[in-house]
Amino acid sequence: MKKLYIFALMVAFLVTSAVADEDPPRAVRPQP
């Protein structure tokens, strides 16, 4: 279970990083 949890965190981090590279940061974290 621990490995699956860490794997999920890594995948989520990679996905958010890819999105941040393609779109402005506000796409990942809503900002005023």
PDB file of N, CA and C in Angstrom:
ATOM      1  N   MET A   1       0.841  -1.215   0.000  1.00  0.00           N
ATOM      2  CA  MET A   1       0.000   0.000   0.000  1.00  0.00           C
ATOM      3  C   MET A   1       0.868   1.254   0.000  1.00  0.00           C
ATOM      4  N   LYS A   2       1.931   1.217   0.786  1.00  0.00           N
ATOM      5  CA  LYS A   2       2.816   2.390   0.857  1.00  0.00           C
ATOM      6  C   LYS A   2       3.391   2.718  -0.519  1.00  0.00           C
ATOM      7  N   LYS A   3       3.833   1.691  -1.235  1.00  0.00           N
ATOM      8  CA  LYS A   3       4.428   1.927  -2.556  1.00  0.00           C
ATOM      9  C   LYS A   3       3.388   2.523  -3.496  1.00  0.00           C
ATOM     10  N   LEU A   4       2.163   2.024  -3.432  1.00  0.00           N
ATOM     11  CA  LEU A   4       1.110   2.533  -4.318  1.00  0.00           C
ATOM     12  C   LEU A   4       0.824   3.991  -4.004  1.00  0.00           C
ATOM     13  N   TYR A   5       0.838   4.336  -2.716  1.00  0.00           N
ATOM     14  CA  TYR A   5       0.575   5.719  -2.305  1.00  0.00           C
ATOM     15  C   TYR A   5       1.673   6.641  -2.818  1.00  0.00           C
ATOM     16  N   ILE A   6       2.921   6.215  -2.672  1.00  0.00           N
ATOM     17  CA  ILE A   6       4.051   7.025  -3.150  1.00  0.00           C
ATOM     18  C   ILE A   6       4.001   7.147  -4.676  1.00  0.00           C
ATOM     19  N   PHE A   7       3.641   6.044  -5.345  1.00  0.00           N
ATOM     20  CA  PHE A   7       3.548   6.062  -6.800  1.00  0.00           C
ATOM     21  C   PHE A   7       2.480   7.059  -7.247  1.00  0.00           C
ATOM     22  N   ALA A   8       1.352   7.079  -6.535  1.00  0.00           N
ATOM     23  CA  ALA A   8       0.267   8.002  -6.877  1.00  0.00           C
ATOM     24  C   ALA A   8       0.734   9.448  -6.701  1.00  0.00           C
ATOM     25  N   LEU A   9       1.497   9.711  -5.643  1.00  0.00           N
ATOM     26  CA  LEU A   9       1.999  11.068  -5.410  1.00  0.00           C
ATOM     27  C   LEU A   9       2.942  11.483  -6.537  1.00  0.00           C
ATOM     28  N   MET A  10       3.801  10.566  -6.961  1.00  0.00           N
ATOM     29  CA  MET A  10       4.745  10.880  -8.034  1.00  0.00           C
ATOM     30  C   MET A  10       4.002  11.184  -9.332  1.00  0.00           C
ATOM     31  N   VAL A  11       2.990  10.375  -9.633  1.00  0.00           N
ATOM     32  CA  VAL A  11       2.210  10.582 -10.860  1.00  0.00           C
ATOM     33  C   VAL A  11       1.508  11.935 -10.812  1.00  0.00           C
ATOM     34  N   ALA A  12       0.903  12.244  -9.665  1.00  0.00           N
ATOM     35  CA  ALA A  12       0.188  13.516  -9.522  1.00  0.00           C
ATOM     36  C   ALA A  12       1.168  14.682  -9.699  1.00  0.00           C
ATOM     37  N   PHE A  13       2.376  14.539  -9.133  1.00  0.00           N
ATOM     38  CA  PHE A  13       3.375  15.597  -9.249  1.00  0.00           C
ATOM     39  C   PHE A  13       3.797  15.792 -10.706  1.00  0.00           C
ATOM     40  N   LEU A  14       3.999  14.683 -11.406  1.00  0.00           N
ATOM     41  CA  LEU A  14       4.403  14.776 -12.812  1.00  0.00           C
ATOM     42  C   LEU A  14       3.299  15.412 -13.656  1.00  0.00           C
ATOM     43  N   VAL A  15       2.057  15.034 -13.385  1.00  0.00           N
ATOM     44  CA  VAL A  15       0.934  15.574 -14.160  1.00  0.00           C
ATOM     45  C   VAL A  15       0.822  17.078 -13.928  1.00  0.00           C
ATOM     46  N   THR A  16       0.896  17.510 -12.676  1.00  0.00           N
ATOM     47  CA  THR A  16       0.775  18.940 -12.375  1.00  0.00           C
ATOM     48  C   THR A  16       1.951  19.699 -12.987  1.00  0.00           C
ATOM     49  N   SER A  17       3.130  19.088 -12.985  1.00  0.00           N
ATOM     50  CA  SER A  17       4.295  19.745 -13.577  1.00  0.00           C
ATOM     51  C   SER A  17       4.101  19.916 -15.083  1.00  0.00           C
ATOM     52  N   ALA A  18       3.579  18.886 -15.733  1.00  0.00           N
ATOM     53  CA  ALA A  18       3.353  18.957 -17.179  1.00  0.00           C
ATOM     54  C   ALA A  18       2.324  20.037 -17.503  1.00  0.00           C
ATOM     55  N   VAL A  19       1.278  20.105 -16.710  1.00  0.00           N
ATOM     56  CA  VAL A  19       0.228  21.105 -16.937  1.00  0.00           C
ATOM     57  C   VAL A  19       0.792  22.506 -16.708  1.00  0.00           C
ATOM     58  N   ALA A  20       1.631  22.650 -15.687  1.00  0.00           N
ATOM     59  CA  ALA A  20       2.201  23.958 -15.374  1.00  0.00           C
ATOM     60  C   ALA A  20       3.120  24.416 -16.513  1.00  0.00           C
ATOM     61  N   ASP A  21       3.793  23.466 -17.158  1.00  0.00           N
ATOM     62  CA  ASP A  21       4.681  23.821 -18.268  1.00  0.00           C
ATOM     63  C   ASP A  21       3.879  24.285 -19.488  1.00  0.00           C
ATOM     64  N   GLU A  22       2.701  23.691 -19.689  1.00  0.00           N
ATOM     65  CA  GLU A  22       1.909  24.024 -20.872  1.00  0.00           C
ATOM     66  C   GLU A  22       1.004  25.226 -20.622  1.00  0.00           C
ATOM     67  N   ASP A  23       0.422  25.301 -19.436  1.00  0.00           N
ATOM     68  CA  ASP A  23      -0.523  26.370 -19.123  1.00  0.00           C
ATOM     69  C   ASP A  23       0.034  27.275 -18.025  1.00  0.00           C
ATOM     70  N   PRO A  24      -0.513  28.474 -17.880  1.00  0.00           N
ATOM     71  CA  PRO A  24      -0.090  29.367 -16.804  1.00  0.00           C
ATOM     72  C   PRO A  24      -0.373  28.742 -15.437  1.00  0.00           C
ATOM     73  N   PRO A  25       0.365  29.145 -14.393  1.00  0.00           N
ATOM     74  CA  PRO A  25       0.213  28.568 -13.046  1.00  0.00           C
ATOM     75  C   PRO A  25      -1.228  28.621 -12.540  1.00  0.00           C
ATOM     76  N   ARG A  26      -1.983  29.635 -12.954  1.00  0.00           N
ATOM     77  CA  ARG A  26      -3.352  29.773 -12.446  1.00  0.00           C
ATOM     78  C   ARG A  26      -4.207  28.585 -12.857  1.00  0.00           C
ATOM     79  N   ALA A  27      -3.765  27.834 -13.883  1.00  0.00           N
ATOM     80  CA  ALA A  27      -4.526  26.667 -14.320  1.00  0.00           C
ATOM     81  C   ALA A  27      -4.440  25.562 -13.269  1.00  0.00           C
ATOM     82  N   VAL A  28      -3.313  25.550 -12.534  1.00  0.00           N
ATOM     83  CA  VAL A  28      -3.128  24.521 -11.511  1.00  0.00           C
ATOM     84  C   VAL A  28      -3.666  25.015 -10.173  1.00  0.00           C
ATOM     85  N   ARG A  29      -3.287  26.244  -9.805  1.00  0.00           N
ATOM     86  CA  ARG A  29      -3.748  26.809  -8.533  1.00  0.00           C
ATOM     87  C   ARG A  29      -4.460  28.136  -8.791  1.00  0.00           C
ATOM     88  N   PRO A  30      -5.758  28.165  -8.594  1.00  0.00           N
ATOM     89  CA  PRO A  30      -6.512  29.405  -8.823  1.00  0.00           C
ATOM     90  C   PRO A  30      -5.962  30.557  -7.993  1.00  0.00           C
ATOM     91  N   GLN A  31      -5.674  31.667  -8.645  1.00  0.00           N
ATOM     92  CA  GLN A  31      -5.159  32.844  -7.944  1.00  0.00           C
ATOM     93  C   GLN A  31      -5.971  34.077  -8.337  1.00  0.00           C
ATOM     94  N   PRO A  32      -6.102  35.013  -7.430  1.00  0.00           N
ATOM     95  CA  PRO A  32      -6.860  36.250  -7.705  1.00  0.00           C
ATOM     96  C   PRO A  32      -6.199  37.105  -8.785  1.00  0.00           C
TER      97      PRO A  32
END
